[in-house]
Amino acid sequence: MRILDLGCGKRKYQSKNLKDEVIGVDVDKNSQADVIHNLDKFPYPFQNNEFDLVYASHILEHLDNPVFFLKKSEE
């Protein structure tokens, strides 16, 4: 399974399944992110349907427009 961890910070999501691939995204260059990207900027640098699961913990309060983020996530 491919997992996208949005706003991973210094603790990227750890899957219990060692076969899973976790890609972390964060704006902070000192994070564990595999991809440095501002989560307020769309589009994100990924293809549609590239991930099986999106993990986004404790990021809404850091976004400029969390409602827009949630609407874009539905697309």
Protein backbone atom coordinates (compact mmCIF):
# COMPACT_ATOMS: atom_id res chain seq x y z
CA MET A 1 0.00 0.00 0.00
CA ARG A 2 1.18 3.54 -0.73
CA ILE A 3 0.51 5.99 2.08
CA LEU A 4 0.76 9.79 1.88
CA ASP A 5 1.52 11.52 5.20
CA LEU A 6 0.59 15.18 4.86
CA GLY A 7 2.37 17.45 7.34
CA CYS A 8 4.55 14.62 8.60
CA GLY A 9 6.88 16.88 10.57
CA LYS A 10 9.61 15.04 12.44
CA ARG A 11 7.48 11.90 12.97
CA LYS A 12 6.50 10.38 9.66
CA TYR A 13 3.70 7.82 9.82
CA GLN A 14 4.99 4.34 10.63
CA SER A 15 2.95 1.57 9.06
CA LYS A 16 2.74 -1.78 10.81
CA ASN A 17 3.10 -3.44 7.43
CA LEU A 18 6.74 -3.32 6.32
CA LYS A 19 5.67 -3.65 2.67
CA ASP A 20 3.85 -0.30 2.78
CA GLU A 21 5.55 2.71 1.25
CA VAL A 22 5.05 5.93 3.21
CA ILE A 23 5.73 9.28 1.52
CA GLY A 24 5.93 12.23 3.90
CA VAL A 25 5.18 15.80 2.86
CA ASP A 26 5.99 18.89 4.88
CA VAL A 27 7.01 22.50 4.36
CA ASP A 28 9.82 22.21 6.93
CA LYS A 29 13.16 21.23 5.43
CA ASN A 30 14.23 19.83 8.83
CA SER A 31 11.35 17.34 8.91
CA GLN A 32 11.31 13.68 7.90
CA ALA A 33 9.55 14.66 4.67
CA ASP A 34 10.40 12.96 1.41
CA VAL A 35 8.79 15.88 -0.43
CA ILE A 36 9.06 19.52 0.66
CA HIS A 37 5.86 21.30 -0.30
CA ASN A 38 3.63 24.02 1.15
CA LEU A 39 0.30 22.28 1.81
CA ASP A 40 -1.56 25.55 1.16
CA LYS A 41 -0.42 25.43 -2.48
CA PHE A 42 -2.42 23.37 -4.96
CA PRO A 43 -1.97 21.23 -6.91
CA TYR A 44 0.20 18.91 -4.86
CA PRO A 45 3.11 17.29 -6.74
CA PHE A 46 1.41 13.89 -7.12
CA GLN A 47 -0.80 12.16 -9.67
CA ASN A 48 -4.48 11.50 -8.96
CA ASN A 49 -5.12 8.16 -7.26
CA GLU A 50 -1.40 7.64 -6.60
CA PHE A 51 -1.97 6.73 -2.94
CA ASP A 52 -4.16 4.17 -1.22
CA LEU A 53 -4.34 6.09 2.05
CA VAL A 54 -3.83 9.71 3.07
CA TYR A 55 -2.80 10.40 6.66
CA ALA A 56 -3.20 14.00 7.83
CA SER A 57 -2.84 14.39 11.59
CA HIS A 58 -2.69 17.77 13.33
CA ILE A 59 -2.37 19.85 10.18
CA LEU A 60 -5.72 21.63 9.75
CA GLU A 61 -4.88 24.29 12.33
CA HIS A 62 -1.71 25.15 10.39
CA LEU A 63 -3.41 25.71 7.02
CA ASP A 64 -4.49 29.12 5.75
CA ASN A 65 -7.79 27.72 4.44
CA PRO A 66 -8.64 24.34 5.98
CA VAL A 67 -12.11 24.24 4.37
CA PHE A 68 -10.54 24.58 0.91
CA PHE A 69 -8.05 21.83 1.80
CA LEU A 70 -10.88 19.48 2.79
CA LYS A 71 -12.83 20.25 -0.38
CA LYS A 72 -9.77 19.64 -2.55
CA SER A 73 -9.19 16.36 -0.70
CA GLU A 74 -12.58 15.11 -1.90
CA GLU A 75 -11.68 15.59 -5.57
